[in-house]
Amino acid sequence: ADGPPEILYWVGCTAAFDERNQRVAA
């Protein structure tokens, strides 16, 4: 939506789908 950034945050599967690690990503 916004184009390439200076740095891409690769969230990873665990941070995206595990409820506990979603708080780390946030």
PDB file of all heavy atoms in Angstrom:
ATOM      1  N   ALA A   1       0.813  -1.229   0.000  1.00  0.00           N
ATOM      2  CA  ALA A   1       0.000   0.000   0.000  1.00  0.00           C
ATOM      3  C   ALA A   1       0.837   1.265   0.000  1.00  0.00           C
ATOM      4  O   ALA A   1       0.436   2.286  -0.594  1.00  0.00           O
ATOM      5  CB  ALA A   1      -0.928  -0.005   1.217  1.00  0.00           C
ATOM      6  N   ASP A   2       2.006   1.234   0.671  1.00  0.00           N
ATOM      7  CA  ASP A   2       2.764   2.465   0.887  1.00  0.00           C
ATOM      8  C   ASP A   2       4.130   2.497   0.207  1.00  0.00           C
ATOM      9  O   ASP A   2       4.858   3.474   0.333  1.00  0.00           O
ATOM     10  CB  ASP A   2       2.950   2.673   2.394  1.00  0.00           C
ATOM     11  CG  ASP A   2       1.622   2.804   3.115  1.00  0.00           C
ATOM     12  OD1 ASP A   2       1.019   3.883   3.059  1.00  0.00           O
ATOM     13  OD2 ASP A   2       1.176   1.803   3.716  1.00  0.00           O
ATOM     14  N   GLY A   3       4.494   1.423  -0.490  1.00  0.00           N
ATOM     15  CA  GLY A   3       5.772   1.404  -1.184  1.00  0.00           C
ATOM     16  C   GLY A   3       6.914   0.929  -0.299  1.00  0.00           C
ATOM     17  O   GLY A   3       6.771   0.808   0.922  1.00  0.00           O
ATOM     18  N   PRO A   4       8.075   0.662  -0.897  1.00  0.00           N
ATOM     19  CA  PRO A   4       9.226   0.141  -0.151  1.00  0.00           C
ATOM     20  C   PRO A   4       9.699   1.124   0.922  1.00  0.00           C
ATOM     21  O   PRO A   4       9.832   2.324   0.653  1.00  0.00           O
ATOM     22  CB  PRO A   4      10.294  -0.048  -1.231  1.00  0.00           C
ATOM     23  CG  PRO A   4       9.537  -0.117  -2.512  1.00  0.00           C
ATOM     24  CD  PRO A   4       8.346   0.772  -2.333  1.00  0.00           C
ATOM     25  N   PRO A   5       9.944   0.651   2.145  1.00  0.00           N
ATOM     26  CA  PRO A   5      10.413   1.516   3.227  1.00  0.00           C
ATOM     27  C   PRO A   5      11.937   1.521   3.305  1.00  0.00           C
ATOM     28  O   PRO A   5      12.628   0.808   2.568  1.00  0.00           O
ATOM     29  CB  PRO A   5       9.821   0.833   4.457  1.00  0.00           C
ATOM     30  CG  PRO A   5       9.902  -0.628   4.110  1.00  0.00           C
ATOM     31  CD  PRO A   5       9.664  -0.718   2.623  1.00  0.00           C
ATOM     32  N   GLU A   6      12.435   2.317   4.245  1.00  0.00           N
ATOM     33  CA  GLU A   6      13.875   2.297   4.527  1.00  0.00           C
ATOM     34  C   GLU A   6      14.279   0.932   5.070  1.00  0.00           C
ATOM     35  O   GLU A   6      15.339   0.409   4.746  1.00  0.00           O
ATOM     36  CB  GLU A   6      14.215   3.388   5.545  1.00  0.00           C
ATOM     37  CG  GLU A   6      15.675   3.397   5.986  1.00  0.00           C
ATOM     38  CD  GLU A   6      15.919   4.364   7.137  1.00  0.00           C
ATOM     39  OE1 GLU A   6      15.065   5.238   7.380  1.00  0.00           O
ATOM     40  OE2 GLU A   6      16.968   4.211   7.807  1.00  0.00           O
ATOM     41  N   ILE A   7      13.398   0.361   5.895  1.00  0.00           N
ATOM     42  CA  ILE A   7      13.683  -0.943   6.480  1.00  0.00           C
ATOM     43  C   ILE A   7      12.388  -1.744   6.567  1.00  0.00           C
ATOM     44  O   ILE A   7      11.351  -1.225   6.983  1.00  0.00           O
ATOM     45  CB  ILE A   7      14.344  -0.802   7.870  1.00  0.00           C
ATOM     46  CG1 ILE A   7      14.732  -2.179   8.423  1.00  0.00           C
ATOM     47  CG2 ILE A   7      13.469  -0.051   8.841  1.00  0.00           C
ATOM     48  CD1 ILE A   7      15.696  -2.107   9.604  1.00  0.00           C
ATOM     49  N   LEU A   8      12.450  -2.988   6.135  1.00  0.00           N
ATOM     50  CA  LEU A   8      11.290  -3.871   6.183  1.00  0.00           C
ATOM     51  C   LEU A   8      11.290  -4.625   7.514  1.00  0.00           C
ATOM     52  O   LEU A   8      12.297  -5.224   7.896  1.00  0.00           O
ATOM     53  CB  LEU A   8      11.345  -4.879   5.041  1.00  0.00           C
ATOM     54  CG  LEU A   8      10.247  -5.954   5.071  1.00  0.00           C
ATOM     55  CD1 LEU A   8       8.913  -5.375   4.621  1.00  0.00           C
ATOM     56  CD2 LEU A   8      10.631  -7.162   4.221  1.00  0.00           C
ATOM     57  N   TYR A   9      10.174  -4.608   8.211  1.00  0.00           N
ATOM     58  CA  TYR A   9      10.025  -5.415   9.422  1.00  0.00           C
ATOM     59  C   TYR A   9       9.464  -6.776   9.005  1.00  0.00           C
ATOM     60  O   TYR A   9       8.317  -6.895   8.595  1.00  0.00           O
ATOM     61  CB  TYR A   9       9.102  -4.722  10.421  1.00  0.00           C
ATOM     62  CG  TYR A   9       8.743  -5.565  11.641  1.00  0.00           C
ATOM     63  CD1 TYR A   9       9.568  -6.602  12.091  1.00  0.00           C
ATOM     64  CD2 TYR A   9       7.576  -5.314  12.353  1.00  0.00           C
ATOM     65  CE1 TYR A   9       9.240  -7.365  13.194  1.00  0.00           C
ATOM     66  CE2 TYR A   9       7.230  -6.066  13.476  1.00  0.00           C
ATOM     67  CZ  TYR A   9       8.064  -7.104  13.882  1.00  0.00           C
ATOM     68  OH  TYR A   9       7.729  -7.866  14.972  1.00  0.00           O
ATOM     69  N   TRP A  10      10.330  -7.780   9.097  1.00  0.00           N
ATOM     70  CA  TRP A  10       9.905  -9.153   8.827  1.00  0.00           C
ATOM     71  C   TRP A  10       9.323  -9.696  10.131  1.00  0.00           C
ATOM     72  O   TRP A  10      10.035 -10.018  11.057  1.00  0.00           O
ATOM     73  CB  TRP A  10      11.091 -10.009   8.372  1.00  0.00           C
ATOM     74  CG  TRP A  10      10.674 -11.386   7.922  1.00  0.00           C
ATOM     75  CD1 TRP A  10      10.446 -12.465   8.698  1.00  0.00           C
ATOM     76  CD2 TRP A  10      10.420 -11.792   6.582  1.00  0.00           C
ATOM     77  NE1 TRP A  10      10.052 -13.530   7.942  1.00  0.00           N
ATOM     78  CE2 TRP A  10      10.033 -13.153   6.624  1.00  0.00           C
ATOM     79  CE3 TRP A  10      10.467 -11.148   5.338  1.00  0.00           C
ATOM     80  CZ2 TRP A  10       9.714 -13.877   5.478  1.00  0.00           C
ATOM     81  CZ3 TRP A  10      10.156 -11.884   4.201  1.00  0.00           C
ATOM     82  CH2 TRP A  10       9.781 -13.224   4.271  1.00  0.00           C
ATOM     83  N   VAL A  11       8.005  -9.782  10.180  1.00  0.00           N
ATOM     84  CA  VAL A  11       7.318 -10.112  11.426  1.00  0.00           C
ATOM     85  C   VAL A  11       7.573 -11.558  11.835  1.00  0.00           C
ATOM     86  O   VAL A  11       7.814 -11.854  13.004  1.00  0.00           O
ATOM     87  CB  VAL A  11       5.804  -9.847  11.295  1.00  0.00           C
ATOM     88  CG1 VAL A  11       5.091 -10.169  12.601  1.00  0.00           C
ATOM     89  CG2 VAL A  11       5.559  -8.407  10.877  1.00  0.00           C
ATOM     90  N   GLY A  12       7.516 -12.461  10.883  1.00  0.00           N
ATOM     91  CA  GLY A  12       7.695 -13.877  11.190  1.00  0.00           C
ATOM     92  C   GLY A  12       6.395 -14.533  11.607  1.00  0.00           C
ATOM     93  O   GLY A  12       5.447 -13.876  12.052  1.00  0.00           O
ATOM     94  N   CYS A  13       6.346 -15.844  11.469  1.00  0.00           N
ATOM     95  CA  CYS A  13       5.099 -16.580  11.719  1.00  0.00           C
ATOM     96  C   CYS A  13       4.688 -16.541  13.183  1.00  0.00           C
ATOM     97  O   CYS A  13       3.504 -16.364  13.506  1.00  0.00           O
ATOM     98  CB  CYS A  13       5.257 -18.031  11.270  1.00  0.00           C
ATOM     99  SG  CYS A  13       5.642 -18.214   9.516  1.00  0.00           S
ATOM    100  N   THR A  14       5.648 -16.712  14.096  1.00  0.00           N
ATOM    101  CA  THR A  14       5.294 -16.807  15.511  1.00  0.00           C
ATOM    102  C   THR A  14       4.744 -15.483  16.023  1.00  0.00           C
ATOM    103  O   THR A  14       3.738 -15.450  16.746  1.00  0.00           O
ATOM    104  CB  THR A  14       6.513 -17.239  16.336  1.00  0.00           C
ATOM    105  OG1 THR A  14       7.126 -18.372  15.715  1.00  0.00           O
ATOM    106  CG2 THR A  14       6.103 -17.631  17.747  1.00  0.00           C
ATOM    107  N   ALA A  15       5.385 -14.391  15.665  1.00  0.00           N
ATOM    108  CA  ALA A  15       4.903 -13.079  16.118  1.00  0.00           C
ATOM    109  C   ALA A  15       3.565 -12.732  15.487  1.00  0.00           C
ATOM    110  O   ALA A  15       2.767 -11.988  16.070  1.00  0.00           O
ATOM    111  CB  ALA A  15       5.933 -12.004  15.786  1.00  0.00           C
ATOM    112  N   ALA A  16       3.285 -13.286  14.317  1.00  0.00           N
ATOM    113  CA  ALA A  16       2.027 -12.976  13.640  1.00  0.00           C
ATOM    114  C   ALA A  16       0.870 -13.826  14.164  1.00  0.00           C
ATOM    115  O   ALA A  16      -0.255 -13.328  14.292  1.00  0.00           O
ATOM    116  CB  ALA A  16       2.179 -13.185  12.133  1.00  0.00           C
ATOM    117  N   PHE A  17       1.140 -15.090  14.492  1.00  0.00           N
ATOM    118  CA  PHE A  17       0.043 -16.007  14.790  1.00  0.00           C
ATOM    119  C   PHE A  17      -0.045 -16.454  16.245  1.00  0.00           C
ATOM    120  O   PHE A  17      -1.095 -16.940  16.667  1.00  0.00           O
ATOM    121  CB  PHE A  17       0.150 -17.241  13.893  1.00  0.00           C
ATOM    122  CG  PHE A  17      -0.022 -16.932  12.439  1.00  0.00           C
ATOM    123  CD1 PHE A  17       1.071 -16.877  11.587  1.00  0.00           C
ATOM    124  CD2 PHE A  17      -1.274 -16.663  11.923  1.00  0.00           C
ATOM    125  CE1 PHE A  17       0.920 -16.582  10.247  1.00  0.00           C
ATOM    126  CE2 PHE A  17      -1.441 -16.359  10.572  1.00  0.00           C
ATOM    127  CZ  PHE A  17      -0.341 -16.311   9.733  1.00  0.00           C
ATOM    128  N   ASP A  18       1.013 -16.324  17.015  1.00  0.00           N
ATOM    129  CA  ASP A  18       0.966 -16.701  18.429  1.00  0.00           C
ATOM    130  C   ASP A  18       0.526 -15.491  19.249  1.00  0.00           C
ATOM    131  O   ASP A  18       1.155 -14.427  19.193  1.00  0.00           O
ATOM    132  CB  ASP A  18       2.342 -17.187  18.896  1.00  0.00           C
ATOM    133  CG  ASP A  18       2.376 -17.466  20.384  1.00  0.00           C
ATOM    134  OD1 ASP A  18       1.683 -18.390  20.835  1.00  0.00           O
ATOM    135  OD2 ASP A  18       3.094 -16.724  21.091  1.00  0.00           O
ATOM    136  N   GLU A  19      -0.524 -15.657  20.014  1.00  0.00           N
ATOM    137  CA  GLU A  19      -1.102 -14.530  20.745  1.00  0.00           C
ATOM    138  C   GLU A  19      -0.094 -13.872  21.673  1.00  0.00           C
ATOM    139  O   GLU A  19      -0.047 -12.638  21.775  1.00  0.00           O
ATOM    140  CB  GLU A  19      -2.320 -15.008  21.540  1.00  0.00           C
ATOM    141  CG  GLU A  19      -3.046 -13.884  22.264  1.00  0.00           C
ATOM    142  CD  GLU A  19      -4.275 -14.376  23.004  1.00  0.00           C
ATOM    143  OE1 GLU A  19      -4.634 -15.562  22.829  1.00  0.00           O
ATOM    144  OE2 GLU A  19      -4.868 -13.578  23.763  1.00  0.00           O
ATOM    145  N   ARG A  20       0.724 -14.659  22.344  1.00  0.00           N
ATOM    146  CA  ARG A  20       1.711 -14.086  23.274  1.00  0.00           C
ATOM    147  C   ARG A  20       2.733 -13.247  22.520  1.00  0.00           C
ATOM    148  O   ARG A  20       3.100 -12.144  22.963  1.00  0.00           O
ATOM    149  CB  ARG A  20       2.408 -15.218  24.049  1.00  0.00           C
ATOM    150  CG  ARG A  20       3.566 -14.755  24.923  1.00  0.00           C
ATOM    151  CD  ARG A  20       3.068 -13.810  26.028  1.00  0.00           C
ATOM    152  NE  ARG A  20       4.165 -13.233  26.780  1.00  0.00           N
ATOM    153  CZ  ARG A  20       4.821 -12.129  26.423  1.00  0.00           C
ATOM    154  NH1 ARG A  20       4.480 -11.466  25.307  1.00  0.00           N
ATOM    155  NH2 ARG A  20       5.796 -11.655  27.187  1.00  0.00           N
ATOM    156  N   ASN A  21       3.206 -13.722  21.397  1.00  0.00           N
ATOM    157  CA  ASN A  21       4.242 -13.004  20.661  1.00  0.00           C
ATOM    158  C   ASN A  21       3.697 -11.853  19.829  1.00  0.00           C
ATOM    159  O   ASN A  21       4.470 -11.001  19.375  1.00  0.00           O
ATOM    160  CB  ASN A  21       5.019 -13.990  19.777  1.00  0.00           C
ATOM    161  CG  ASN A  21       6.113 -14.711  20.559  1.00  0.00           C
ATOM    162  OD1 ASN A  21       7.164 -14.149  20.844  1.00  0.00           O
ATOM    163  ND2 ASN A  21       5.839 -15.953  20.937  1.00  0.00           N
ATOM    164  N   GLN A  22       2.381 -11.818  19.636  1.00  0.00           N
ATOM    165  CA  GLN A  22       1.796 -10.647  18.973  1.00  0.00           C
ATOM    166  C   GLN A  22       2.058  -9.381  19.789  1.00  0.00           C
ATOM    167  O   GLN A  22       2.241  -8.294  19.233  1.00  0.00           O
ATOM    168  CB  GLN A  22       0.290 -10.851  18.787  1.00  0.00           C
ATOM    169  CG  GLN A  22      -0.068 -11.857  17.700  1.00  0.00           C
ATOM    170  CD  GLN A  22      -1.559 -12.114  17.611  1.00  0.00           C
ATOM    171  OE1 GLN A  22      -2.325 -11.763  18.521  1.00  0.00           O
ATOM    172  NE2 GLN A  22      -1.990 -12.722  16.511  1.00  0.00           N
ATOM    173  N   ARG A  23       2.129  -9.537  21.103  1.00  0.00           N
ATOM    174  CA  ARG A  23       2.406  -8.379  21.969  1.00  0.00           C
ATOM    175  C   ARG A  23       3.844  -7.884  21.765  1.00  0.00           C
ATOM    176  O   ARG A  23       4.116  -6.685  21.892  1.00  0.00           O
ATOM    177  CB  ARG A  23       2.159  -8.744  23.438  1.00  0.00           C
ATOM    178  CG  ARG A  23       0.732  -9.199  23.712  1.00  0.00           C
ATOM    179  CD  ARG A  23       0.324  -8.996  25.170  1.00  0.00           C
ATOM    180  NE  ARG A  23       1.106  -9.770  26.109  1.00  0.00           N
ATOM    181  CZ  ARG A  23       0.784 -10.987  26.528  1.00  0.00           C
ATOM    182  NH1 ARG A  23      -0.307 -11.605  26.042  1.00  0.00           N
ATOM    183  NH2 ARG A  23       1.517 -11.613  27.417  1.00  0.00           N
ATOM    184  N   VAL A  24       4.742  -8.799  21.452  1.00  0.00           N
ATOM    185  CA  VAL A  24       6.133  -8.410  21.171  1.00  0.00           C
ATOM    186  C   VAL A  24       6.189  -7.618  19.869  1.00  0.00           C
ATOM    187  O   VAL A  24       6.849  -6.571  19.784  1.00  0.00           O
ATOM    188  CB  VAL A  24       7.043  -9.653  21.089  1.00  0.00           C
ATOM    189  CG1 VAL A  24       8.466  -9.237  20.720  1.00  0.00           C
ATOM    190  CG2 VAL A  24       7.035 -10.422  22.399  1.00  0.00           C
ATOM    191  N   ALA A  25       5.501  -8.117  18.849  1.00  0.00           N
ATOM    192  CA  ALA A  25       5.478  -7.414  17.564  1.00  0.00           C
ATOM    193  C   ALA A  25       4.911  -6.002  17.724  1.00  0.00           C
ATOM    194  O   ALA A  25       5.450  -5.030  17.172  1.00  0.00           O
ATOM    195  CB  ALA A  25       4.658  -8.205  16.549  1.00  0.00           C
ATOM    196  N   ALA A  26       3.846  -5.885  18.506  1.00  0.00           N
ATOM    197  CA  ALA A  26       3.228  -4.567  18.721  1.00  0.00           C
ATOM    198  C   ALA A  26       4.174  -3.635  19.466  1.00  0.00           C
ATOM    199  O   ALA A  26       4.311  -2.444  19.116  1.00  0.00           O
ATOM    200  CB  ALA A  26       1.917  -4.730  19.493  1.00  0.00           C
TER     201      ALA A  26
END
